[in-house]
């Protein structure tokens, strides 16, 4: 078994609920990311060599607890190279995703990748979350280590609407490493749930990396 085959086999062991056609799309996504990363530095070269484990698996960890109903709306803020927005859009084709970033070259990448993957459930927007139309709200807002948690919450708190028709209440899903509690010491914010990525993805180097849920 090659290193590449072994890597994908490991991911499938960690995340056994994903279907074969989903894995095929995810593999195509990683190929497109590597192609683009040669032109634009989306991910460090060192991490790009292990992109599937260091980045993709981290995003996919949410699929172990998140179930989305038809037409659930998700806003991915600071999407960068489409993380976690594109992997989640692949896994939840019946949900609707809006991917936002203020950097034009990153939006160019995300638009190209989503088009080449044929993702009909993704809308790509260049801009800042706080500049989006005020009347538009979402079931979930996602972010992966974009900024501090209180600052992120300030950007998007008016973009959420309350409710629960999915496996968890509407709100923020935020991927965060390190001691996130320090960021919240002077804040009224407290996560509703905390998932430990190191437990979901054993032996992947995800100690002290978490997915935090803050209800709307």
N, C-alpha and C. Protein backbone atom coordinates (compact mmCIF):
# COMPACT_ATOMS: atom_id res chain seq x y z
N UNK A 1 0.85 -1.20 0.00
CA UNK A 1 0.00 0.00 0.00
C UNK A 1 0.89 1.25 0.00
N UNK A 2 0.61 2.17 -0.90
CA UNK A 2 1.38 3.40 -0.97
C UNK A 2 1.02 4.31 0.20
N UNK A 3 1.87 5.34 0.41
CA UNK A 3 1.59 6.30 1.49
C UNK A 3 0.25 6.97 1.27
N UNK A 4 -0.04 7.33 0.01
CA UNK A 4 -1.31 7.99 -0.30
C UNK A 4 -2.49 7.07 0.00
N UNK A 5 -2.39 5.82 -0.40
CA UNK A 5 -3.46 4.86 -0.15
C UNK A 5 -3.65 4.63 1.35
N UNK A 6 -2.52 4.55 2.06
CA UNK A 6 -2.58 4.35 3.51
C UNK A 6 -3.24 5.54 4.21
N UNK A 7 -2.92 6.74 3.73
CA UNK A 7 -3.50 7.95 4.32
C UNK A 7 -5.01 7.96 4.17
N UNK A 8 -5.50 7.68 2.97
CA UNK A 8 -6.95 7.69 2.75
C UNK A 8 -7.62 6.56 3.49
N UNK A 9 -6.95 5.43 3.62
CA UNK A 9 -7.50 4.32 4.40
C UNK A 9 -7.65 4.71 5.86
N UNK A 10 -6.67 5.44 6.38
CA UNK A 10 -6.73 5.91 7.77
C UNK A 10 -7.89 6.87 7.96
N UNK A 11 -8.05 7.80 7.03
CA UNK A 11 -9.16 8.75 7.13
C UNK A 11 -10.51 8.02 7.13
N UNK A 12 -10.63 7.00 6.31
CA UNK A 12 -11.89 6.27 6.24
C UNK A 12 -12.13 5.47 7.52
N UNK A 13 -11.05 5.07 8.18
CA UNK A 13 -11.19 4.39 9.47
C UNK A 13 -11.71 5.36 10.52
N UNK A 14 -11.18 6.58 10.50
CA UNK A 14 -11.63 7.60 11.45
C UNK A 14 -13.07 8.02 11.20
N UNK A 15 -13.44 8.06 9.93
CA UNK A 15 -14.73 8.65 9.53
C UNK A 15 -15.52 7.64 8.69
N UNK A 16 -15.96 6.56 9.30
CA UNK A 16 -16.55 5.46 8.53
C UNK A 16 -17.94 5.73 7.95
N UNK A 17 -18.59 6.80 8.36
CA UNK A 17 -19.95 7.06 7.90
C UNK A 17 -20.01 7.70 6.51
N UNK A 18 -18.89 8.22 6.03
CA UNK A 18 -18.90 8.89 4.73
C UNK A 18 -18.95 7.88 3.59
N UNK A 19 -19.71 8.22 2.55
CA UNK A 19 -19.92 7.32 1.43
C UNK A 19 -18.74 7.35 0.45
N UNK A 20 -18.67 6.31 -0.41
CA UNK A 20 -17.57 6.20 -1.37
C UNK A 20 -17.53 7.38 -2.33
N UNK A 21 -18.70 7.83 -2.80
CA UNK A 21 -18.70 8.95 -3.74
C UNK A 21 -18.26 10.25 -3.06
N UNK A 22 -18.52 10.35 -1.76
CA UNK A 22 -18.03 11.50 -1.00
C UNK A 22 -16.52 11.48 -0.93
N UNK A 23 -15.95 10.33 -0.64
CA UNK A 23 -14.48 10.22 -0.59
C UNK A 23 -13.85 10.54 -1.93
N UNK A 24 -14.50 10.15 -3.02
CA UNK A 24 -13.96 10.44 -4.35
C UNK A 24 -13.90 11.94 -4.59
N UNK A 25 -14.95 12.66 -4.18
CA UNK A 25 -14.96 14.12 -4.31
C UNK A 25 -13.91 14.76 -3.41
N UNK A 26 -13.75 14.25 -2.21
CA UNK A 26 -12.76 14.79 -1.29
C UNK A 26 -11.34 14.60 -1.83
N UNK A 27 -11.10 13.47 -2.45
CA UNK A 27 -9.78 13.25 -3.04
C UNK A 27 -9.53 14.22 -4.20
N UNK A 28 -10.56 14.46 -4.99
CA UNK A 28 -10.42 15.42 -6.09
C UNK A 28 -10.15 16.82 -5.54
N UNK A 29 -10.82 17.14 -4.44
CA UNK A 29 -10.58 18.45 -3.81
C UNK A 29 -9.12 18.60 -3.40
N UNK A 30 -8.55 17.58 -2.79
CA UNK A 30 -7.15 17.68 -2.36
C UNK A 30 -6.22 17.85 -3.56
N UNK A 31 -6.54 17.19 -4.67
CA UNK A 31 -5.71 17.34 -5.88
C UNK A 31 -5.77 18.77 -6.40
N UNK A 32 -6.96 19.36 -6.39
CA UNK A 32 -7.11 20.74 -6.85
C UNK A 32 -6.41 21.71 -5.90
N UNK A 33 -6.47 21.44 -4.62
CA UNK A 33 -5.77 22.28 -3.64
C UNK A 33 -4.27 22.25 -3.89
N UNK A 34 -3.72 21.09 -4.15
CA UNK A 34 -2.28 20.99 -4.41
C UNK A 34 -1.91 21.72 -5.70
N UNK A 35 -2.77 21.60 -6.69
CA UNK A 35 -2.53 22.31 -7.95
C UNK A 35 -2.48 23.82 -7.73
N UNK A 36 -3.45 24.33 -6.99
CA UNK A 36 -3.51 25.77 -6.74
C UNK A 36 -2.42 26.22 -5.78
N UNK A 37 -2.04 25.38 -4.84
CA UNK A 37 -1.05 25.79 -3.85
C UNK A 37 0.33 25.99 -4.47
N UNK A 38 0.54 25.43 -5.65
CA UNK A 38 1.78 25.70 -6.38
C UNK A 38 1.82 27.13 -6.90
N UNK A 39 0.66 27.74 -7.06
CA UNK A 39 0.55 29.09 -7.60
C UNK A 39 0.33 30.13 -6.50
N UNK A 40 -0.49 29.77 -5.52
CA UNK A 40 -0.85 30.68 -4.43
C UNK A 40 -0.64 29.95 -3.11
N UNK A 41 0.03 30.59 -2.18
CA UNK A 41 0.34 29.94 -0.91
C UNK A 41 -0.88 29.94 0.00
N UNK A 42 -1.70 28.92 -0.15
CA UNK A 42 -2.89 28.77 0.69
C UNK A 42 -2.56 28.03 1.98
N UNK A 43 -1.69 27.05 1.85
CA UNK A 43 -1.26 26.21 2.98
C UNK A 43 0.25 26.08 2.88
N UNK A 44 0.93 26.11 4.02
CA UNK A 44 2.39 25.98 4.00
C UNK A 44 2.80 24.71 3.28
N UNK A 45 3.93 24.76 2.57
CA UNK A 45 4.39 23.60 1.81
C UNK A 45 4.54 22.38 2.72
N UNK A 46 5.03 22.59 3.92
CA UNK A 46 5.22 21.48 4.86
C UNK A 46 3.88 20.82 5.19
N UNK A 47 2.87 21.64 5.47
CA UNK A 47 1.55 21.09 5.78
C UNK A 47 0.83 20.55 4.55
N UNK A 48 1.17 21.10 3.37
CA UNK A 48 0.53 20.62 2.16
C UNK A 48 0.90 19.18 1.87
N UNK A 49 2.10 18.79 2.25
CA UNK A 49 2.53 17.40 2.04
C UNK A 49 1.65 16.42 2.80
N UNK A 50 1.10 16.89 3.92
CA UNK A 50 0.23 16.04 4.72
C UNK A 50 -1.16 16.68 4.83
N UNK A 51 -1.62 17.28 3.75
CA UNK A 51 -2.86 18.05 3.76
C UNK A 51 -4.05 17.23 4.25
N UNK A 52 -4.12 15.97 3.81
CA UNK A 52 -5.28 15.15 4.17
C UNK A 52 -5.41 14.99 5.68
N UNK A 53 -4.28 14.81 6.36
CA UNK A 53 -4.31 14.61 7.81
C UNK A 53 -4.32 15.93 8.57
N UNK A 54 -3.48 16.88 8.13
CA UNK A 54 -3.31 18.12 8.89
C UNK A 54 -4.47 19.10 8.73
N UNK A 55 -5.19 19.03 7.61
CA UNK A 55 -6.25 20.01 7.36
C UNK A 55 -7.60 19.36 7.07
N UNK A 56 -7.63 18.47 6.08
CA UNK A 56 -8.90 17.90 5.66
C UNK A 56 -9.59 17.13 6.78
N UNK A 57 -8.85 16.24 7.44
CA UNK A 57 -9.44 15.44 8.52
C UNK A 57 -10.00 16.32 9.63
N UNK A 58 -9.29 17.40 9.92
CA UNK A 58 -9.73 18.33 10.96
C UNK A 58 -11.12 18.88 10.64
N UNK A 59 -11.32 19.26 9.38
CA UNK A 59 -12.63 19.78 8.96
C UNK A 59 -13.70 18.69 9.01
N UNK A 60 -13.33 17.50 8.56
CA UNK A 60 -14.28 16.40 8.48
C UNK A 60 -14.69 15.85 9.83
N UNK A 61 -13.93 16.16 10.87
CA UNK A 61 -14.27 15.68 12.21
C UNK A 61 -15.70 16.06 12.59
N UNK A 62 -16.18 17.19 12.06
CA UNK A 62 -17.54 17.64 12.38
C UNK A 62 -18.60 16.68 11.89
N UNK A 63 -18.29 15.89 10.87
CA UNK A 63 -19.30 14.99 10.32
C UNK A 63 -19.64 13.85 11.27
N UNK A 64 -18.84 13.66 12.32
CA UNK A 64 -19.12 12.59 13.28
C UNK A 64 -20.28 12.95 14.21
N UNK A 65 -20.60 14.23 14.31
CA UNK A 65 -21.70 14.64 15.20
C UNK A 65 -22.73 15.53 14.52
N UNK A 66 -22.44 16.03 13.34
CA UNK A 66 -23.32 17.00 12.68
C UNK A 66 -24.15 16.33 11.60
N UNK A 67 -25.46 16.44 11.73
CA UNK A 67 -26.38 15.98 10.71
C UNK A 67 -27.20 17.18 10.27
N UNK A 68 -27.21 17.44 8.97
CA UNK A 68 -27.91 18.61 8.44
C UNK A 68 -29.10 18.19 7.60
N UNK A 69 -30.22 18.83 7.86
CA UNK A 69 -31.43 18.58 7.10
C UNK A 69 -31.38 19.30 5.75
N UNK A 70 -32.31 18.96 4.90
CA UNK A 70 -32.39 19.55 3.57
C UNK A 70 -32.51 21.07 3.65
N UNK A 71 -31.69 21.75 2.85
CA UNK A 71 -31.71 23.21 2.70
C UNK A 71 -31.25 23.96 3.95
N UNK A 72 -30.57 23.29 4.84
CA UNK A 72 -29.93 24.00 5.94
C UNK A 72 -28.91 24.98 5.36
N UNK A 73 -28.85 26.19 5.91
CA UNK A 73 -27.95 27.22 5.38
C UNK A 73 -26.72 27.37 6.29
N UNK A 74 -25.55 27.42 5.65
CA UNK A 74 -24.28 27.52 6.38
C UNK A 74 -23.44 28.64 5.76
N UNK A 75 -22.92 29.51 6.61
CA UNK A 75 -22.02 30.58 6.19
C UNK A 75 -20.62 30.26 6.70
N UNK A 76 -19.65 30.12 5.79
CA UNK A 76 -18.27 29.84 6.17
C UNK A 76 -17.47 31.13 6.02
N UNK A 77 -17.04 31.68 7.15
CA UNK A 77 -16.38 32.99 7.18
C UNK A 77 -14.86 32.83 7.21
N UNK A 78 -14.17 33.62 6.36
CA UNK A 78 -12.72 33.49 6.27
C UNK A 78 -12.33 32.15 5.70
N UNK A 79 -13.00 31.77 4.63
CA UNK A 79 -12.88 30.41 4.10
C UNK A 79 -11.49 30.07 3.57
N UNK A 80 -10.71 31.08 3.19
CA UNK A 80 -9.35 30.81 2.71
C UNK A 80 -9.36 29.94 1.47
N UNK A 81 -8.80 28.74 1.58
CA UNK A 81 -8.82 27.79 0.46
C UNK A 81 -10.05 26.90 0.48
N UNK A 82 -11.08 27.34 1.20
CA UNK A 82 -12.32 26.57 1.24
C UNK A 82 -12.45 25.66 2.43
N UNK A 83 -11.75 26.00 3.51
CA UNK A 83 -11.76 25.17 4.72
C UNK A 83 -12.46 25.88 5.87
N UNK A 84 -13.45 25.28 6.47
CA UNK A 84 -13.98 23.94 6.23
C UNK A 84 -15.12 23.86 5.21
N UNK A 85 -15.43 24.98 4.55
CA UNK A 85 -16.63 25.06 3.73
C UNK A 85 -16.76 24.03 2.63
N UNK A 86 -15.70 23.87 1.82
CA UNK A 86 -15.80 22.94 0.69
C UNK A 86 -15.94 21.49 1.15
N UNK A 87 -15.09 20.99 2.06
CA UNK A 87 -15.30 19.61 2.52
C UNK A 87 -16.69 19.37 3.09
N UNK A 88 -17.20 20.33 3.85
CA UNK A 88 -18.55 20.17 4.41
C UNK A 88 -19.61 20.19 3.32
N UNK A 89 -19.43 21.05 2.33
CA UNK A 89 -20.39 21.10 1.22
C UNK A 89 -20.40 19.79 0.44
N UNK A 90 -19.25 19.15 0.32
CA UNK A 90 -19.18 17.84 -0.33
C UNK A 90 -19.93 16.79 0.50
N UNK A 91 -19.78 16.86 1.80
CA UNK A 91 -20.40 15.88 2.70
C UNK A 91 -21.90 16.09 2.87
N UNK A 92 -22.35 17.35 2.68
CA UNK A 92 -23.77 17.67 2.87
C UNK A 92 -24.32 18.34 1.60
N UNK A 93 -24.46 17.58 0.53
CA UNK A 93 -24.90 18.18 -0.75
C UNK A 93 -26.31 18.75 -0.71
N UNK A 94 -27.10 18.36 0.28
CA UNK A 94 -28.48 18.83 0.41
C UNK A 94 -28.57 20.13 1.21
N UNK A 95 -27.46 20.58 1.81
CA UNK A 95 -27.41 21.86 2.52
C UNK A 95 -26.85 22.93 1.60
N UNK A 96 -27.03 24.19 1.98
CA UNK A 96 -26.60 25.31 1.15
C UNK A 96 -25.48 26.07 1.87
N UNK A 97 -24.39 26.30 1.17
CA UNK A 97 -23.21 26.90 1.77
C UNK A 97 -22.86 28.22 1.06
N UNK A 98 -22.55 29.23 1.88
CA UNK A 98 -22.02 30.50 1.37
C UNK A 98 -20.61 30.64 1.93
N UNK A 99 -19.62 30.74 1.06
CA UNK A 99 -18.21 30.83 1.46
C UNK A 99 -17.72 32.25 1.24
N UNK A 100 -17.23 32.87 2.30
CA UNK A 100 -16.86 34.28 2.27
C UNK A 100 -15.40 34.47 2.64
N UNK A 101 -14.71 35.32 1.89
CA UNK A 101 -13.36 35.74 2.25
C UNK A 101 -13.11 37.11 1.63
N UNK A 102 -12.33 37.92 2.31
CA UNK A 102 -12.08 39.28 1.83
C UNK A 102 -10.91 39.36 0.86
N UNK A 103 -10.16 38.28 0.71
CA UNK A 103 -8.95 38.29 -0.13
C UNK A 103 -9.31 37.74 -1.52
N UNK A 104 -9.12 38.58 -2.54
CA UNK A 104 -9.58 38.26 -3.89
C UNK A 104 -8.95 37.00 -4.45
N UNK A 105 -7.64 36.81 -4.24
CA UNK A 105 -6.99 35.64 -4.84
C UNK A 105 -7.49 34.34 -4.22
N UNK A 106 -7.86 34.37 -2.96
CA UNK A 106 -8.41 33.17 -2.33
C UNK A 106 -9.81 32.86 -2.86
N UNK A 107 -10.58 33.89 -3.09
CA UNK A 107 -11.91 33.70 -3.67
C UNK A 107 -11.80 33.14 -5.08
N UNK A 108 -10.80 33.58 -5.84
CA UNK A 108 -10.56 33.03 -7.18
C UNK A 108 -10.33 31.53 -7.11
N UNK A 109 -9.53 31.12 -6.14
CA UNK A 109 -9.25 29.69 -5.95
C UNK A 109 -10.52 28.93 -5.60
N UNK A 110 -11.27 29.43 -4.64
CA UNK A 110 -12.48 28.75 -4.17
C UNK A 110 -13.51 28.65 -5.30
N UNK A 111 -13.65 29.71 -6.08
CA UNK A 111 -14.59 29.67 -7.20
C UNK A 111 -14.19 28.61 -8.22
N UNK A 112 -12.90 28.56 -8.53
CA UNK A 112 -12.42 27.58 -9.51
C UNK A 112 -12.63 26.15 -9.00
N UNK A 113 -12.28 25.91 -7.74
CA UNK A 113 -12.40 24.56 -7.19
C UNK A 113 -13.86 24.11 -7.12
N UNK A 114 -14.73 24.98 -6.65
CA UNK A 114 -16.14 24.59 -6.55
C UNK A 114 -16.74 24.33 -7.93
N UNK A 115 -16.33 25.12 -8.92
CA UNK A 115 -16.81 24.91 -10.29
C UNK A 115 -16.32 23.58 -10.84
N UNK A 116 -15.04 23.29 -10.63
CA UNK A 116 -14.47 22.05 -11.17
C UNK A 116 -14.98 20.81 -10.43
N UNK A 117 -15.39 21.00 -9.20
CA UNK A 117 -16.00 19.89 -8.46
C UNK A 117 -17.49 19.75 -8.77
N UNK A 118 -18.05 20.75 -9.42
CA UNK A 118 -19.47 20.71 -9.75
C UNK A 118 -20.38 20.86 -8.54
N UNK A 119 -19.94 21.66 -7.57
CA UNK A 119 -20.72 21.83 -6.34
C UNK A 119 -21.82 22.87 -6.58
N UNK A 120 -23.05 22.39 -6.70
CA UNK A 120 -24.18 23.27 -6.98
C UNK A 120 -24.75 23.90 -5.71
N UNK A 121 -24.28 23.44 -4.57
CA UNK A 121 -24.82 23.93 -3.29
C UNK A 121 -23.92 24.96 -2.64
N UNK A 122 -22.99 25.55 -3.41
CA UNK A 122 -22.02 26.50 -2.87
C UNK A 122 -22.13 27.84 -3.60
N UNK A 123 -22.19 28.91 -2.82
CA UNK A 123 -22.11 30.27 -3.34
C UNK A 123 -20.86 30.90 -2.76
N UNK A 124 -20.08 31.59 -3.58
CA UNK A 124 -18.81 32.16 -3.16
C UNK A 124 -18.91 33.69 -3.22
N UNK A 125 -18.50 34.33 -2.13
CA UNK A 125 -18.64 35.80 -2.03
C UNK A 125 -17.32 36.40 -1.57
N UNK A 126 -16.87 37.44 -2.28
CA UNK A 126 -15.71 38.19 -1.81
C UNK A 126 -16.21 39.33 -0.93
N UNK A 127 -15.68 39.41 0.28
CA UNK A 127 -16.08 40.48 1.18
C UNK A 127 -15.92 40.05 2.62
N UNK A 128 -16.43 40.87 3.51
CA UNK A 128 -16.37 40.59 4.94
C UNK A 128 -17.76 40.18 5.43
N UNK A 129 -17.77 39.35 6.44
CA UNK A 129 -19.05 38.85 6.96
C UNK A 129 -19.95 39.99 7.39
N UNK A 130 -19.35 41.02 8.01
CA UNK A 130 -20.16 42.12 8.53
C UNK A 130 -20.72 43.00 7.41
N UNK A 131 -20.27 42.78 6.17
CA UNK A 131 -20.77 43.55 5.03
C UNK A 131 -21.89 42.84 4.28
N UNK A 132 -22.20 41.62 4.66
CA UNK A 132 -23.27 40.88 4.00
C UNK A 132 -24.62 41.54 4.29
N UNK A 133 -25.61 41.35 3.42
CA UNK A 133 -26.93 41.96 3.65
C UNK A 133 -27.49 41.61 5.02
N UNK A 134 -27.92 42.60 5.75
CA UNK A 134 -28.37 42.40 7.13
C UNK A 134 -29.58 41.48 7.21
N UNK A 135 -30.38 41.45 6.18
CA UNK A 135 -31.61 40.64 6.23
C UNK A 135 -31.32 39.14 6.08
N UNK A 136 -30.14 38.79 5.61
CA UNK A 136 -29.81 37.39 5.37
C UNK A 136 -29.23 36.75 6.61
N UNK A 137 -29.86 35.66 7.07
CA UNK A 137 -29.35 34.94 8.22
C UNK A 137 -29.16 33.46 7.87
N UNK A 138 -28.45 32.75 8.75
CA UNK A 138 -28.05 31.37 8.46
C UNK A 138 -28.29 30.48 9.68
N UNK A 139 -28.43 29.19 9.40
CA UNK A 139 -28.57 28.23 10.50
C UNK A 139 -27.26 28.07 11.26
N UNK A 140 -26.16 28.01 10.51
CA UNK A 140 -24.85 27.86 11.12
C UNK A 140 -23.85 28.81 10.47
N UNK A 141 -22.91 29.27 11.30
CA UNK A 141 -21.74 29.99 10.79
C UNK A 141 -20.52 29.22 11.23
N UNK A 142 -19.63 28.94 10.28
CA UNK A 142 -18.41 28.19 10.58
C UNK A 142 -17.18 29.07 10.39
N UNK A 143 -16.12 28.72 11.11
CA UNK A 143 -14.83 29.40 10.97
C UNK A 143 -13.74 28.51 11.52
N UNK A 144 -12.58 28.55 10.89
CA UNK A 144 -11.47 27.70 11.33
C UNK A 144 -10.28 28.59 11.65
N UNK A 145 -10.13 28.87 12.95
CA UNK A 145 -9.00 29.66 13.44
C UNK A 145 -8.83 30.96 12.66
N UNK A 146 -9.94 31.66 12.44
CA UNK A 146 -9.91 32.91 11.67
C UNK A 146 -9.37 34.06 12.50
N UNK A 147 -9.83 34.16 13.75
CA UNK A 147 -9.42 35.23 14.65
C UNK A 147 -9.80 34.77 16.07
N UNK A 148 -9.77 35.67 17.03
CA UNK A 148 -10.21 35.28 18.37
C UNK A 148 -11.71 35.01 18.37
N UNK A 149 -12.15 34.21 19.29
CA UNK A 149 -13.57 33.83 19.33
C UNK A 149 -14.48 35.04 19.57
N UNK A 150 -14.19 35.93 20.54
CA UNK A 150 -15.06 37.09 20.74
C UNK A 150 -15.13 37.99 19.50
N UNK A 151 -14.01 38.16 18.84
CA UNK A 151 -14.02 39.00 17.63
C UNK A 151 -14.85 38.36 16.53
N UNK A 152 -14.68 37.06 16.35
CA UNK A 152 -15.46 36.34 15.34
C UNK A 152 -16.94 36.46 15.64
N UNK A 153 -17.30 36.29 16.91
CA UNK A 153 -18.70 36.39 17.31
C UNK A 153 -19.25 37.79 17.00
N UNK A 154 -18.44 38.81 17.21
CA UNK A 154 -18.88 40.16 16.91
C UNK A 154 -19.18 40.37 15.44
N UNK A 155 -18.42 39.70 14.59
CA UNK A 155 -18.64 39.81 13.15
C UNK A 155 -19.96 39.18 12.72
N UNK A 156 -20.33 38.07 13.33
CA UNK A 156 -21.40 37.24 12.74
C UNK A 156 -22.65 37.09 13.63
N UNK A 157 -22.66 37.70 14.80
CA UNK A 157 -23.77 37.44 15.72
C UNK A 157 -25.13 37.79 15.14
N UNK A 158 -25.17 38.74 14.20
CA UNK A 158 -26.44 39.13 13.59
C UNK A 158 -26.74 38.31 12.34
N UNK A 159 -25.87 37.33 12.02
CA UNK A 159 -26.07 36.50 10.82
C UNK A 159 -26.74 35.18 11.14
N UNK A 160 -27.04 34.96 12.41
CA UNK A 160 -27.63 33.69 12.84
C UNK A 160 -29.10 33.84 13.18
N UNK A 161 -29.88 32.81 12.88
CA UNK A 161 -31.23 32.77 13.42
C UNK A 161 -31.40 31.52 14.27
N UNK A 162 -32.17 31.66 15.31
CA UNK A 162 -32.31 30.59 16.28
C UNK A 162 -33.18 29.46 15.74
N UNK A 163 -32.99 28.28 16.32
CA UNK A 163 -33.79 27.14 15.93
C UNK A 163 -33.01 25.84 16.07
N UNK A 164 -33.72 24.74 15.91
CA UNK A 164 -33.06 23.44 15.89
C UNK A 164 -33.89 22.47 15.09
N UNK A 165 -33.43 22.20 13.88
CA UNK A 165 -34.04 21.14 13.09
C UNK A 165 -32.96 20.17 12.60
N UNK A 166 -31.73 20.41 13.06
CA UNK A 166 -30.61 19.55 12.75
C UNK A 166 -30.18 18.80 14.01
N UNK A 167 -29.04 18.15 13.99
CA UNK A 167 -28.63 17.35 15.14
C UNK A 167 -28.22 18.21 16.34
N UNK A 168 -27.86 19.46 16.10
CA UNK A 168 -27.55 20.40 17.17
C UNK A 168 -28.25 21.72 16.89
N UNK A 169 -28.33 22.56 17.92
CA UNK A 169 -28.99 23.86 17.76
C UNK A 169 -28.24 24.74 16.77
N UNK A 170 -28.98 25.61 16.11
CA UNK A 170 -28.35 26.60 15.24
C UNK A 170 -27.29 27.37 16.01
N UNK A 171 -26.23 27.78 15.32
CA UNK A 171 -25.20 28.55 15.99
C UNK A 171 -23.87 28.54 15.26
N UNK A 172 -22.82 28.82 16.02
CA UNK A 172 -21.46 28.87 15.49
C UNK A 172 -20.79 27.52 15.70
N UNK A 173 -20.06 27.07 14.68
CA UNK A 173 -19.13 25.96 14.82
C UNK A 173 -17.75 26.52 14.51
N UNK A 174 -16.89 26.50 15.54
CA UNK A 174 -15.59 27.17 15.40
C UNK A 174 -14.47 26.19 15.71
N UNK A 175 -13.56 26.04 14.75
CA UNK A 175 -12.40 25.17 14.90
C UNK A 175 -11.29 25.97 15.56
N UNK A 176 -10.81 25.49 16.70
CA UNK A 176 -9.87 26.27 17.50
C UNK A 176 -8.83 25.38 18.16
N UNK A 177 -7.58 25.84 18.16
CA UNK A 177 -6.52 25.12 18.84
C UNK A 177 -6.05 25.85 20.08
N UNK A 178 -5.40 25.13 20.98
CA UNK A 178 -4.84 25.75 22.17
C UNK A 178 -5.86 25.96 23.27
N UNK A 179 -5.50 26.82 24.21
CA UNK A 179 -6.35 27.07 25.38
C UNK A 179 -7.38 28.14 25.04
N UNK A 180 -8.49 27.71 24.47
CA UNK A 180 -9.53 28.64 24.04
C UNK A 180 -10.20 29.33 25.23
N UNK A 181 -10.10 28.74 26.41
CA UNK A 181 -10.77 29.32 27.58
C UNK A 181 -10.19 30.69 27.93
N UNK A 182 -8.90 30.89 27.68
CA UNK A 182 -8.28 32.19 27.97
C UNK A 182 -8.95 33.31 27.18
N UNK A 183 -9.35 33.01 25.94
CA UNK A 183 -9.98 34.03 25.09
C UNK A 183 -11.34 34.46 25.62
N UNK A 184 -11.96 33.60 26.41
CA UNK A 184 -13.32 33.87 26.85
C UNK A 184 -13.41 34.39 28.28
N UNK A 185 -12.26 34.60 28.92
CA UNK A 185 -12.27 35.03 30.32
C UNK A 185 -13.00 36.33 30.55
N UNK A 186 -12.85 37.28 29.62
CA UNK A 186 -13.51 38.58 29.76
C UNK A 186 -14.73 38.70 28.87
N UNK A 187 -15.29 37.57 28.50
CA UNK A 187 -16.42 37.56 27.58
C UNK A 187 -17.59 36.82 28.21
N UNK A 188 -18.79 37.16 27.76
CA UNK A 188 -19.99 36.45 28.21
C UNK A 188 -20.17 35.14 27.45
N UNK A 189 -19.35 34.90 26.45
CA UNK A 189 -19.50 33.72 25.61
C UNK A 189 -19.06 32.46 26.32
N UNK A 190 -19.85 31.42 26.18
CA UNK A 190 -19.48 30.09 26.66
C UNK A 190 -20.00 29.06 25.66
N UNK A 191 -19.17 28.11 25.26
CA UNK A 191 -19.62 27.13 24.28
C UNK A 191 -20.70 26.21 24.85
N UNK A 192 -21.64 25.85 24.00
CA UNK A 192 -22.68 24.90 24.38
C UNK A 192 -22.12 23.48 24.39
N UNK A 193 -21.26 23.19 23.40
CA UNK A 193 -20.62 21.89 23.30
C UNK A 193 -19.17 22.09 22.87
N UNK A 194 -18.31 21.16 23.27
CA UNK A 194 -16.92 21.17 22.84
C UNK A 194 -16.56 19.74 22.43
N UNK A 195 -16.10 19.59 21.20
CA UNK A 195 -15.65 18.29 20.72
C UNK A 195 -14.13 18.30 20.60
N UNK A 196 -13.50 17.29 21.11
CA UNK A 196 -12.05 17.15 21.12
C UNK A 196 -11.62 16.44 19.84
N UNK A 197 -10.94 17.16 18.95
CA UNK A 197 -10.50 16.57 17.69
C UNK A 197 -9.52 15.43 17.90
N UNK A 198 -8.75 15.50 18.99
CA UNK A 198 -7.80 14.45 19.30
C UNK A 198 -8.47 13.13 19.61
N UNK A 199 -9.68 13.17 20.14
CA UNK A 199 -10.43 11.95 20.42
C UNK A 199 -11.10 11.40 19.16
N UNK A 200 -11.56 12.30 18.31
CA UNK A 200 -12.21 11.89 17.07
C UNK A 200 -11.19 11.33 16.08
N UNK A 201 -9.99 11.94 16.07
CA UNK A 201 -8.93 11.58 15.13
C UNK A 201 -7.70 11.12 15.91
N UNK A 202 -7.71 9.92 16.45
CA UNK A 202 -6.60 9.46 17.29
C UNK A 202 -5.29 9.34 16.51
N UNK A 203 -4.20 9.73 17.18
CA UNK A 203 -2.84 9.62 16.60
C UNK A 203 -2.65 10.50 15.37
N UNK A 204 -3.45 11.57 15.26
CA UNK A 204 -3.32 12.48 14.11
C UNK A 204 -2.64 13.78 14.49
N UNK A 205 -2.21 13.91 15.74
CA UNK A 205 -1.56 15.14 16.17
C UNK A 205 -2.52 16.26 16.48
N UNK A 206 -3.74 15.92 16.87
CA UNK A 206 -4.73 16.95 17.14
C UNK A 206 -4.98 17.17 18.63
N UNK A 207 -3.97 16.92 19.42
CA UNK A 207 -4.09 17.24 20.84
C UNK A 207 -4.29 18.74 21.00
N UNK A 208 -5.20 19.11 21.87
CA UNK A 208 -5.54 20.51 22.14
C UNK A 208 -6.08 21.23 20.91
N UNK A 209 -6.83 20.51 20.10
CA UNK A 209 -7.56 21.12 18.99
C UNK A 209 -9.03 20.70 19.13
N UNK A 210 -9.90 21.70 18.96
CA UNK A 210 -11.30 21.47 19.31
C UNK A 210 -12.23 22.06 18.25
N UNK A 211 -13.47 21.59 18.30
CA UNK A 211 -14.56 22.23 17.58
C UNK A 211 -15.55 22.71 18.63
N UNK A 212 -15.77 24.01 18.66
CA UNK A 212 -16.64 24.61 19.66
C UNK A 212 -17.99 24.98 19.05
N UNK A 213 -19.05 24.75 19.80
CA UNK A 213 -20.38 25.14 19.36
C UNK A 213 -20.94 26.22 20.30
N UNK A 214 -21.36 27.32 19.71
CA UNK A 214 -22.04 28.38 20.45
C UNK A 214 -23.43 28.52 19.84
N UNK A 215 -24.46 28.32 20.64
CA UNK A 215 -25.81 28.38 20.08
C UNK A 215 -26.19 29.82 19.73
N UNK A 216 -27.06 29.93 18.74
CA UNK A 216 -27.49 31.24 18.26
C UNK A 216 -28.24 32.00 19.34
